[in-house]
Amino acid sequence: VLEKMQDRVRCRFPAENLGDFTAFVRERGLIMTECRLDRMSLEEAF
């Protein structure tokens, strides 16, 4: 869990757990408003 807001949670998880996470969201009746693959910036690569 990266951040808890009033009614939302921002979190991070390994790519291999994408199916597990979507199942978790579906089983609890949660609404996913964003899901993105993290990318490295050129500065981070540098």
All heavy atoms as atom14 arrays in JSON, in Angstrom:
{
  "sequence": "VLEKMQDRVRCRFPAENLGDFTAFVRERGLIMTECRLDRMSLEEAF",
  "atom14_mask": [
    [1, 1, 1, 1, 1, 1, 1, 0, 0, 0, 0, 0, 0, 0],
    [1, 1, 1, 1, 1, 1, 1, 1, 0, 0, 0, 0, 0, 0],
    [1, 1, 1, 1, 1, 1, 1, 1, 1, 0, 0, 0, 0, 0],
    [1, 1, 1, 1, 1, 1, 1, 1, 1, 0, 0, 0, 0, 0],
    [1, 1, 1, 1, 1, 1, 1, 1, 0, 0, 0, 0, 0, 0],
    [1, 1, 1, 1, 1, 1, 1, 1, 1, 0, 0, 0, 0, 0],
    [1, 1, 1, 1, 1, 1, 1, 1, 0, 0, 0, 0, 0, 0],
    [1, 1, 1, 1, 1, 1, 1, 1, 1, 1, 1, 0, 0, 0],
    [1, 1, 1, 1, 1, 1, 1, 0, 0, 0, 0, 0, 0, 0],
    [1, 1, 1, 1, 1, 1, 1, 1, 1, 1, 1, 0, 0, 0],
    [1, 1, 1, 1, 1, 1, 0, 0, 0, 0, 0, 0, 0, 0],
    [1, 1, 1, 1, 1, 1, 1, 1, 1, 1, 1, 0, 0, 0],
    [1, 1, 1, 1, 1, 1, 1, 1, 1, 1, 1, 0, 0, 0],
    [1, 1, 1, 1, 1, 1, 1, 0, 0, 0, 0, 0, 0, 0],
    [1, 1, 1, 1, 1, 0, 0, 0, 0, 0, 0, 0, 0, 0],
    [1, 1, 1, 1, 1, 1, 1, 1, 1, 0, 0, 0, 0, 0],
    [1, 1, 1, 1, 1, 1, 1, 1, 0, 0, 0, 0, 0, 0],
    [1, 1, 1, 1, 1, 1, 1, 1, 0, 0, 0, 0, 0, 0],
    [1, 1, 1, 1, 0, 0, 0, 0, 0, 0, 0, 0, 0, 0],
    [1, 1, 1, 1, 1, 1, 1, 1, 0, 0, 0, 0, 0, 0],
    [1, 1, 1, 1, 1, 1, 1, 1, 1, 1, 1, 0, 0, 0],
    [1, 1, 1, 1, 1, 1, 1, 0, 0, 0, 0, 0, 0, 0],
    [1, 1, 1, 1, 1, 0, 0, 0, 0, 0, 0, 0, 0, 0],
    [1, 1, 1, 1, 1, 1, 1, 1, 1, 1, 1, 0, 0, 0],
    [1, 1, 1, 1, 1, 1, 1, 0, 0, 0, 0, 0, 0, 0],
    [1, 1, 1, 1, 1, 1, 1, 1, 1, 1, 1, 0, 0, 0],
    [1, 1, 1, 1, 1, 1, 1, 1, 1, 0, 0, 0, 0, 0],
    [1, 1, 1, 1, 1, 1, 1, 1, 1, 1, 1, 0, 0, 0],
    [1, 1, 1, 1, 0, 0, 0, 0, 0, 0, 0, 0, 0, 0],
    [1, 1, 1, 1, 1, 1, 1, 1, 0, 0, 0, 0, 0, 0],
    [1, 1, 1, 1, 1, 1, 1, 1, 0, 0, 0, 0, 0, 0],
    [1, 1, 1, 1, 1, 1, 1, 1, 0, 0, 0, 0, 0, 0],
    [1, 1, 1, 1, 1, 1, 1, 0, 0, 0, 0, 0, 0, 0],
    [1, 1, 1, 1, 1, 1, 1, 1, 1, 0, 0, 0, 0, 0],
    [1, 1, 1, 1, 1, 1, 0, 0, 0, 0, 0, 0, 0, 0],
    [1, 1, 1, 1, 1, 1, 1, 1, 1, 1, 1, 0, 0, 0],
    [1, 1, 1, 1, 1, 1, 1, 1, 0, 0, 0, 0, 0, 0],
    [1, 1, 1, 1, 1, 1, 1, 1, 0, 0, 0, 0, 0, 0],
    [1, 1, 1, 1, 1, 1, 1, 1, 1, 1, 1, 0, 0, 0],
    [1, 1, 1, 1, 1, 1, 1, 1, 0, 0, 0, 0, 0, 0],
    [1, 1, 1, 1, 1, 1, 0, 0, 0, 0, 0, 0, 0, 0],
    [1, 1, 1, 1, 1, 1, 1, 1, 0, 0, 0, 0, 0, 0],
    [1, 1, 1, 1, 1, 1, 1, 1, 1, 0, 0, 0, 0, 0],
    [1, 1, 1, 1, 1, 1, 1, 1, 1, 0, 0, 0, 0, 0],
    [1, 1, 1, 1, 1, 0, 0, 0, 0, 0, 0, 0, 0, 0],
    [1, 1, 1, 1, 1, 1, 1, 1, 1, 1, 1, 0, 0, 0]
  ],
  "atom14_positions": [
    [[0.86, -1.18, 0.0], [0.0, 0.0, 0.0], [0.9, 1.23, 0.0], [1.74, 1.4, 0.88], [-0.97, 0.0, 1.2], [-1.76, 1.29, 1.26], [-1.91, -1.2, 1.12], [0.0, 0.0, 0.0], [0.0, 0.0, 0.0], [0.0, 0.0, 0.0], [0.0, 0.0, 0.0], [0.0, 0.0, 0.0], [0.0, 0.0, 0.0], [0.0, 0.0, 0.0]],
    [[0.74, 2.09, -1.01], [1.54, 3.3, -1.15], [0.88, 4.5, -0.49], [1.55, 5.35, 0.07], [1.79, 3.6, -2.63], [2.48, 2.52, -3.43], [2.51, 2.9, -4.91], [3.88, 2.27, -2.91], [0.0, 0.0, 0.0], [0.0, 0.0, 0.0], [0.0, 0.0, 0.0], [0.0, 0.0, 0.0], [0.0, 0.0, 0.0], [0.0, 0.0, 0.0]],
    [[-0.46, 4.55, -0.59], [-1.18, 5.71, -0.07], [-2.63, 5.32, 0.19], [-3.26, 4.67, -0.63], [-1.12, 6.84, -1.1], [-1.8, 8.1, -0.7], [-1.7, 9.18, -1.78], [-1.28, 8.89, -2.92], [-2.08, 10.31, -1.47], [0.0, 0.0, 0.0], [0.0, 0.0, 0.0], [0.0, 0.0, 0.0], [0.0, 0.0, 0.0], [0.0, 0.0, 0.0]],
    [[-3.14, 5.74, 1.34], [-4.57, 5.58, 1.66], [-5.18, 6.96, 1.63], [-4.73, 7.87, 2.32], [-4.75, 4.94, 3.03], [-4.44, 3.47, 3.05], [-4.83, 2.86, 4.37], [-4.6, 1.37, 4.33], [-5.12, 0.7, 5.52], [0.0, 0.0, 0.0], [0.0, 0.0, 0.0], [0.0, 0.0, 0.0], [0.0, 0.0, 0.0], [0.0, 0.0, 0.0]],
    [[-6.21, 7.12, 0.81], [-6.94, 8.37, 0.72], [-8.29, 8.16, 1.38], [-8.54, 7.09, 1.93], [-7.05, 8.79, -0.75], [-5.67, 9.05, -1.36], [-5.62, 8.9, -3.16], [-5.28, 7.15, -3.34], [0.0, 0.0, 0.0], [0.0, 0.0, 0.0], [0.0, 0.0, 0.0], [0.0, 0.0, 0.0], [0.0, 0.0, 0.0], [0.0, 0.0, 0.0]],
    [[-9.19, 9.12, 1.31], [-10.48, 8.99, 1.97], [-11.19, 7.69, 1.62], [-11.54, 6.92, 2.51], [-11.39, 10.16, 1.59], [-11.1, 11.4, 2.35], [-12.1, 12.49, 2.01], [-12.68, 12.5, 0.93], [-12.3, 13.41, 2.94], [0.0, 0.0, 0.0], [0.0, 0.0, 0.0], [0.0, 0.0, 0.0], [0.0, 0.0, 0.0], [0.0, 0.0, 0.0]],
    [[-11.4, 7.47, 0.34], [-12.16, 6.29, -0.07], [-11.41, 5.44, -1.09], [-12.0, 4.58, -1.73], [-13.52, 6.71, -0.64], [-13.38, 7.62, -1.86], [-12.28, 8.14, -2.08], [-14.37, 7.78, -2.59], [0.0, 0.0, 0.0], [0.0, 0.0, 0.0], [0.0, 0.0, 0.0], [0.0, 0.0, 0.0], [0.0, 0.0, 0.0], [0.0, 0.0, 0.0]],
    [[-10.1, 5.71, -1.25], [-9.31, 4.98, -2.25], [-7.98, 4.54, -1.67], [-7.51, 5.08, -0.68], [-9.05, 5.87, -3.46], [-10.31, 6.2, -4.24], [-10.05, 7.19, -5.33], [-9.73, 8.46, -4.69], [-8.95, 9.4, -5.22], [-8.42, 9.23, -6.39], [-8.72, 10.53, -4.58], [0.0, 0.0, 0.0], [0.0, 0.0, 0.0], [0.0, 0.0, 0.0]],
    [[-7.39, 3.56, -2.35], [-6.07, 3.06, -1.98], [-5.22, 3.0, -3.24], [-5.68, 2.5, -4.28], [-6.16, 1.64, -1.35], [-4.78, 1.05, -1.14], [-6.94, 1.68, -0.05], [0.0, 0.0, 0.0], [0.0, 0.0, 0.0], [0.0, 0.0, 0.0], [0.0, 0.0, 0.0], [0.0, 0.0, 0.0], [0.0, 0.0, 0.0], [0.0, 0.0, 0.0]],
    [[-3.99, 3.54, -3.17], [-3.01, 3.4, -4.25], [-1.99, 2.37, -3.77], [-1.49, 2.46, -2.66], [-2.33, 4.72, -4.55], [-1.29, 4.61, -5.67], [-0.71, 5.96, -6.05], [-1.69, 6.87, -6.6], [-2.14, 6.82, -7.86], [-1.68, 5.91, -8.68], [-3.03, 7.68, -8.29], [0.0, 0.0, 0.0], [0.0, 0.0, 0.0], [0.0, 0.0, 0.0]],
    [[-1.74, 1.36, -4.61], [-0.87, 0.27, -4.19], [0.0, -0.19, -5.36], [-0.2, 0.18, -6.51], [-1.69, -0.88, -3.64], [-2.85, -1.58, -4.83], [0.0, 0.0, 0.0], [0.0, 0.0, 0.0], [0.0, 0.0, 0.0], [0.0, 0.0, 0.0], [0.0, 0.0, 0.0], [0.0, 0.0, 0.0], [0.0, 0.0, 0.0], [0.0, 0.0, 0.0]],
    [[1.0, -1.02, -5.03], [1.91, -1.58, -6.03], [2.02, -3.08, -5.78], [1.96, -3.53, -4.64], [3.28, -0.92, -5.9], [4.31, -1.49, -6.87], [5.62, -0.71, -6.87], [5.36, 0.61, -7.44], [5.75, 1.75, -6.88], [6.41, 1.75, -5.75], [5.48, 2.9, -7.45], [0.0, 0.0, 0.0], [0.0, 0.0, 0.0], [0.0, 0.0, 0.0]],
    [[2.17, -3.82, -6.88], [2.33, -5.28, -6.77], [3.13, -5.79, -7.95], [3.16, -5.16, -9.01], [0.96, -5.98, -6.67], [0.03, -5.66, -7.8], [0.04, -6.42, -8.96], [-0.84, -4.59, -7.72], [-0.82, -6.13, -10.0], [-1.7, -4.28, -8.75], [-1.69, -5.05, -9.9], [0.0, 0.0, 0.0], [0.0, 0.0, 0.0], [0.0, 0.0, 0.0]],
    [[3.8, -6.94, -7.79], [4.59, -7.51, -8.89], [3.7, -7.92, -10.06], [2.56, -8.35, -9.88], [5.23, -8.75, -8.25], [5.17, -8.52, -6.78], [3.94, -7.7, -6.55], [0.0, 0.0, 0.0], [0.0, 0.0, 0.0], [0.0, 0.0, 0.0], [0.0, 0.0, 0.0], [0.0, 0.0, 0.0], [0.0, 0.0, 0.0], [0.0, 0.0, 0.0]],
    [[4.24, -7.8, -11.27], [3.49, -8.11, -12.49], [2.97, -9.54, -12.48], [1.87, -9.8, -12.98], [4.35, -7.86, -13.72], [0.0, 0.0, 0.0], [0.0, 0.0, 0.0], [0.0, 0.0, 0.0], [0.0, 0.0, 0.0], [0.0, 0.0, 0.0], [0.0, 0.0, 0.0], [0.0, 0.0, 0.0], [0.0, 0.0, 0.0], [0.0, 0.0, 0.0]],
    [[3.72, -10.46, -11.9], [3.27, -11.85, -11.91], [2.02, -12.06, -11.06], [1.35, -13.09, -11.16], [4.38, -12.81, -11.45], [4.77, -12.67, -10.0], [6.1, -11.99, -9.79], [6.6, -11.34, -10.72], [6.63, -12.1, -8.68], [0.0, 0.0, 0.0], [0.0, 0.0, 0.0], [0.0, 0.0, 0.0], [0.0, 0.0, 0.0], [0.0, 0.0, 0.0]],
    [[1.65, -11.06, -10.23], [0.45, -11.15, -9.41], [-0.72, -10.36, -9.96], [-1.72, -10.15, -9.26], [0.75, -10.68, -7.98], [1.71, -11.58, -7.26], [2.84, -11.2, -7.01], [1.28, -12.79, -6.94], [0.0, 0.0, 0.0], [0.0, 0.0, 0.0], [0.0, 0.0, 0.0], [0.0, 0.0, 0.0], [0.0, 0.0, 0.0], [0.0, 0.0, 0.0]],
    [[-0.66, -9.95, -11.22], [-1.76, -9.18, -11.8], [-3.07, -9.95, -11.74], [-4.1, -9.41, -11.33], [-1.44, -8.8, -13.26], [-2.53, -8.02, -14.0], [-2.86, -6.72, -13.29], [-2.11, -7.77, -15.44], [0.0, 0.0, 0.0], [0.0, 0.0, 0.0], [0.0, 0.0, 0.0], [0.0, 0.0, 0.0], [0.0, 0.0, 0.0], [0.0, 0.0, 0.0]],
    [[-3.07, -11.22, -12.11], [-4.28, -12.04, -12.04], [-4.8, -12.17, -10.63], [-6.02, -12.09, -10.38], [0.0, 0.0, 0.0], [0.0, 0.0, 0.0], [0.0, 0.0, 0.0], [0.0, 0.0, 0.0], [0.0, 0.0, 0.0], [0.0, 0.0, 0.0], [0.0, 0.0, 0.0], [0.0, 0.0, 0.0], [0.0, 0.0, 0.0], [0.0, 0.0, 0.0]],
    [[-3.89, -12.37, -9.67], [-4.28, -12.47, -8.26], [-4.9, -11.17, -7.78], [-5.89, -11.17, -7.04], [-3.07, -12.8, -7.38], [-2.43, -14.13, -7.75], [-3.17, -15.06, -8.13], [-1.2, -14.22, -7.67], [0.0, 0.0, 0.0], [0.0, 0.0, 0.0], [0.0, 0.0, 0.0], [0.0, 0.0, 0.0], [0.0, 0.0, 0.0], [0.0, 0.0, 0.0]],
    [[-4.31, -10.04, -8.2], [-4.83, -8.75, -7.76], [-6.21, -8.48, -8.35], [-7.12, -8.03, -7.64], [-3.87, -7.61, -8.1], [-4.32, -6.29, -7.55], [-4.19, -6.01, -6.2], [-4.91, -5.34, -8.37], [-4.62, -4.8, -5.67], [-5.35, -4.13, -7.85], [-5.21, -3.85, -6.5], [0.0, 0.0, 0.0], [0.0, 0.0, 0.0], [0.0, 0.0, 0.0]],
    [[-6.39, -8.75, -9.62], [-7.71, -8.52, -10.23], [-8.76, -9.44, -9.6], [-9.91, -9.03, -9.42], [-7.68, -8.68, -11.76], [-7.18, -9.96, -12.1], [-6.82, -7.6, -12.4], [0.0, 0.0, 0.0], [0.0, 0.0, 0.0], [0.0, 0.0, 0.0], [0.0, 0.0, 0.0], [0.0, 0.0, 0.0], [0.0, 0.0, 0.0], [0.0, 0.0, 0.0]],
    [[-8.38, -10.66, -9.23], [-9.3, -11.56, -8.53], [-9.67, -10.99, -7.16], [-10.83, -11.03, -6.75], [-8.69, -12.95, -8.4], [0.0, 0.0, 0.0], [0.0, 0.0, 0.0], [0.0, 0.0, 0.0], [0.0, 0.0, 0.0], [0.0, 0.0, 0.0], [0.0, 0.0, 0.0], [0.0, 0.0, 0.0], [0.0, 0.0, 0.0], [0.0, 0.0, 0.0]],
    [[-8.67, -10.45, -6.45], [-8.89, -9.81, -5.15], [-9.89, -8.66, -5.28], [-10.84, -8.55, -4.5], [-7.54, -9.31, -4.61], [-7.64, -8.38, -3.43], [-7.89, -8.86, -2.16], [-7.46, -7.02, -3.6], [-7.97, -7.99, -1.07], [-7.53, -6.14, -2.53], [-7.8, -6.64, -1.26], [0.0, 0.0, 0.0], [0.0, 0.0, 0.0], [0.0, 0.0, 0.0]],
    [[-9.71, -7.82, -6.3], [-10.6, -6.68, -6.54], [-12.01, -7.17, -6.84], [-12.99, -6.68, -6.27], [-10.05, -5.8, -7.69], [-11.09, -4.79, -8.16], [-8.77, -5.1, -7.26], [0.0, 0.0, 0.0], [0.0, 0.0, 0.0], [0.0, 0.0, 0.0], [0.0, 0.0, 0.0], [0.0, 0.0, 0.0], [0.0, 0.0, 0.0], [0.0, 0.0, 0.0]],
    [[-12.12, -8.17, -7.71], [-13.43, -8.69, -8.11], [-14.15, -9.35, -6.93], [-15.33, -9.1, -6.69], [-13.24, -9.69, -9.25], [-14.53, -10.2, -9.87], [-14.29, -11.1, -11.07], [-13.28, -12.12, -10.86], [-12.04, -12.13, -11.4], [-11.67, -11.16, -12.2], [-11.19, -13.09, -11.15], [0.0, 0.0, 0.0], [0.0, 0.0, 0.0], [0.0, 0.0, 0.0]],
    [[-13.44, -10.19, -6.16], [-14.05, -10.91, -5.03], [-14.59, -9.97, -3.96], [-15.57, -10.28, -3.29], [-13.04, -11.87, -4.42], [-12.73, -13.06, -5.3], [-11.49, -13.82, -4.85], [-10.89, -13.47, -3.79], [-11.1, -14.76, -5.57], [0.0, 0.0, 0.0], [0.0, 0.0, 0.0], [0.0, 0.0, 0.0], [0.0, 0.0, 0.0], [0.0, 0.0, 0.0]],
    [[-13.97, -8.83, -3.77], [-14.39, -7.89, -2.74], [-15.33, -6.8, -3.27], [-15.74, -5.92, -2.52], [-13.18, -7.26, -2.08], [-12.55, -8.27, -1.12], [-11.18, -7.9, -0.7], [-10.61, -8.89, 0.2], [-10.21, -10.09, -0.15], [-10.32, -10.49, -1.38], [-9.68, -10.93, 0.73], [0.0, 0.0, 0.0], [0.0, 0.0, 0.0], [0.0, 0.0, 0.0]],
    [[-15.62, -6.85, -4.58], [-16.51, -5.86, -5.17], [-15.91, -4.46, -5.22], [-16.64, -3.47, -5.19], [0.0, 0.0, 0.0], [0.0, 0.0, 0.0], [0.0, 0.0, 0.0], [0.0, 0.0, 0.0], [0.0, 0.0, 0.0], [0.0, 0.0, 0.0], [0.0, 0.0, 0.0], [0.0, 0.0, 0.0], [0.0, 0.0, 0.0], [0.0, 0.0, 0.0]],
    [[-14.59, -4.39, -5.27], [-13.91, -3.1, -5.33], [-13.97, -2.55, -6.76], [-14.23, -3.29, -7.71], [-12.44, -3.24, -4.91], [-12.18, -3.82, -3.52], [-10.69, -4.05, -3.32], [-12.74, -2.91, -2.44], [0.0, 0.0, 0.0], [0.0, 0.0, 0.0], [0.0, 0.0, 0.0], [0.0, 0.0, 0.0], [0.0, 0.0, 0.0], [0.0, 0.0, 0.0]],
    [[-13.72, -1.28, -6.9], [-13.65, -0.65, -8.21], [-12.21, -0.2, -8.45], [-11.65, 0.54, -7.64], [-14.6, 0.56, -8.31], [-16.04, 0.1, -8.12], [-14.42, 1.29, -9.64], [-17.03, 1.24, -7.97], [0.0, 0.0, 0.0], [0.0, 0.0, 0.0], [0.0, 0.0, 0.0], [0.0, 0.0, 0.0], [0.0, 0.0, 0.0], [0.0, 0.0, 0.0]],
    [[-11.62, -0.69, -9.54], [-10.26, -0.3, -9.89], [-10.35, 0.89, -10.86], [-10.94, 0.76, -11.93], [-9.5, -1.45, -10.54], [-8.05, -1.15, -10.72], [-7.0, -2.47, -11.41], [-7.85, -3.97, -11.13], [0.0, 0.0, 0.0], [0.0, 0.0, 0.0], [0.0, 0.0, 0.0], [0.0, 0.0, 0.0], [0.0, 0.0, 0.0], [0.0, 0.0, 0.0]],
    [[-9.79, 2.03, -10.46], [-9.86, 3.22, -11.3], [-8.58, 3.45, -12.09], [-8.57, 4.24, -13.03], [-10.14, 4.47, -10.44], [-9.14, 4.57, -9.42], [-11.52, 4.38, -9.81], [0.0, 0.0, 0.0], [0.0, 0.0, 0.0], [0.0, 0.0, 0.0], [0.0, 0.0, 0.0], [0.0, 0.0, 0.0], [0.0, 0.0, 0.0], [0.0, 0.0, 0.0]],
    [[-7.51, 2.75, -11.72], [-6.24, 2.88, -12.44], [-5.41, 1.62, -12.23], [-5.41, 1.03, -11.16], [-5.46, 4.08, -11.92], [-4.12, 4.28, -12.58], [-3.33, 5.44, -11.97], [-3.9, 6.23, -11.21], [-2.14, 5.53, -12.29], [0.0, 0.0, 0.0], [0.0, 0.0, 0.0], [0.0, 0.0, 0.0], [0.0, 0.0, 0.0], [0.0, 0.0, 0.0]],
    [[-4.73, 1.2, -13.28], [-3.79, 0.1, -13.18], [-2.79, 0.28, -14.33], [-3.16, 0.25, -15.49], [-4.49, -1.26, -13.29], [-3.37, -2.65, -13.01], [0.0, 0.0, 0.0], [0.0, 0.0, 0.0], [0.0, 0.0, 0.0], [0.0, 0.0, 0.0], [0.0, 0.0, 0.0], [0.0, 0.0, 0.0], [0.0, 0.0, 0.0], [0.0, 0.0, 0.0]],
    [[-1.52, 0.52, -13.97], [-0.52, 0.76, -15.02], [0.78, 0.06, -14.68], [1.15, -0.07, -13.52], [-0.29, 2.25, -15.21], [0.29, 2.94, -14.01], [0.57, 4.41, -14.29], [0.84, 5.13, -13.06], [1.97, 5.08, -12.39], [2.97, 4.36, -12.83], [2.13, 5.76, -11.28], [0.0, 0.0, 0.0], [0.0, 0.0, 0.0], [0.0, 0.0, 0.0]],
    [[1.45, -0.37, -15.73], [2.77, -0.97, -15.59], [3.77, 0.15, -15.36], [3.81, 1.12, -16.12], [3.13, -1.76, -16.86], [4.43, -2.54, -16.85], [4.41, -3.62, -15.78], [4.65, -3.18, -18.22], [0.0, 0.0, 0.0], [0.0, 0.0, 0.0], [0.0, 0.0, 0.0], [0.0, 0.0, 0.0], [0.0, 0.0, 0.0], [0.0, 0.0, 0.0]],
    [[4.55, 0.05, -14.3], [5.54, 1.08, -14.0], [6.66, 1.03, -15.02], [7.13, -0.05, -15.39], [6.12, 0.88, -12.6], [5.08, 1.08, -11.51], [4.09, 1.78, -11.76], [5.25, 0.52, -10.42], [0.0, 0.0, 0.0], [0.0, 0.0, 0.0], [0.0, 0.0, 0.0], [0.0, 0.0, 0.0], [0.0, 0.0, 0.0], [0.0, 0.0, 0.0]],
    [[7.08, 2.19, -15.48], [8.15, 2.31, -16.46], [9.31, 3.07, -15.84], [9.11, 3.97, -15.05], [7.68, 3.05, -17.72], [6.52, 2.42, -18.42], [6.82, 1.15, -19.13], [7.88, 1.33, -20.11], [8.42, 0.35, -20.8], [8.0, -0.87, -20.62], [9.35, 0.58, -21.67], [0.0, 0.0, 0.0], [0.0, 0.0, 0.0], [0.0, 0.0, 0.0]],
    [[10.51, 2.72, -16.26], [11.7, 3.41, -15.81], [11.91, 4.65, -16.68], [11.72, 4.6, -17.88], [12.89, 2.46, -15.95], [14.23, 3.05, -15.56], [15.57, 1.87, -15.73], [15.4, 0.98, -14.2], [0.0, 0.0, 0.0], [0.0, 0.0, 0.0], [0.0, 0.0, 0.0], [0.0, 0.0, 0.0], [0.0, 0.0, 0.0], [0.0, 0.0, 0.0]],
    [[12.29, 5.77, -16.07], [12.6, 6.97, -16.84], [14.04, 6.88, -17.35], [14.84, 6.07, -16.86], [12.45, 8.22, -15.96], [13.49, 8.26, -14.99], [0.0, 0.0, 0.0], [0.0, 0.0, 0.0], [0.0, 0.0, 0.0], [0.0, 0.0, 0.0], [0.0, 0.0, 0.0], [0.0, 0.0, 0.0], [0.0, 0.0, 0.0], [0.0, 0.0, 0.0]],
    [[14.38, 7.71, -18.32], [15.74, 7.73, -18.84], [16.71, 8.14, -17.74], [17.82, 7.62, -17.66], [15.85, 8.66, -20.04], [17.21, 8.71, -20.73], [17.67, 7.32, -21.17], [17.18, 9.66, -21.91], [0.0, 0.0, 0.0], [0.0, 0.0, 0.0], [0.0, 0.0, 0.0], [0.0, 0.0, 0.0], [0.0, 0.0, 0.0], [0.0, 0.0, 0.0]],
    [[16.29, 9.03, -16.87], [17.15, 9.43, -15.76], [17.44, 8.25, -14.84], [18.58, 8.04, -14.41], [16.5, 10.57, -14.97], [17.38, 11.11, -13.87], [16.8, 12.33, -13.19], [15.79, 12.87, -13.65], [17.4, 12.75, -12.19], [0.0, 0.0, 0.0], [0.0, 0.0, 0.0], [0.0, 0.0, 0.0], [0.0, 0.0, 0.0], [0.0, 0.0, 0.0]],
    [[16.42, 7.45, -14.53], [16.63, 6.25, -13.7], [17.56, 5.26, -14.41], [18.43, 4.65, -13.77], [15.3, 5.59, -13.37], [14.44, 6.41, -12.43], [13.0, 5.91, -12.35], [12.45, 5.45, -13.37], [12.43, 6.01, -11.25], [0.0, 0.0, 0.0], [0.0, 0.0, 0.0], [0.0, 0.0, 0.0], [0.0, 0.0, 0.0], [0.0, 0.0, 0.0]],
    [[17.38, 5.09, -15.72], [18.25, 4.19, -16.48], [19.68, 4.7, -16.47], [20.63, 3.93, -16.34], [17.75, 4.06, -17.92], [0.0, 0.0, 0.0], [0.0, 0.0, 0.0], [0.0, 0.0, 0.0], [0.0, 0.0, 0.0], [0.0, 0.0, 0.0], [0.0, 0.0, 0.0], [0.0, 0.0, 0.0], [0.0, 0.0, 0.0], [0.0, 0.0, 0.0]],
    [[19.86, 6.01, -16.6], [21.17, 6.63, -16.57], [21.88, 6.32, -15.26], [23.02, 5.85, -15.24], [21.01, 8.14, -16.76], [22.28, 8.92, -16.61], [23.16, 9.05, -17.68], [22.59, 9.53, -15.41], [24.33, 9.78, -17.55], [23.77, 10.26, -15.28], [24.63, 10.39, -16.34], [0.0, 0.0, 0.0], [0.0, 0.0, 0.0], [0.0, 0.0, 0.0]]
  ]
}
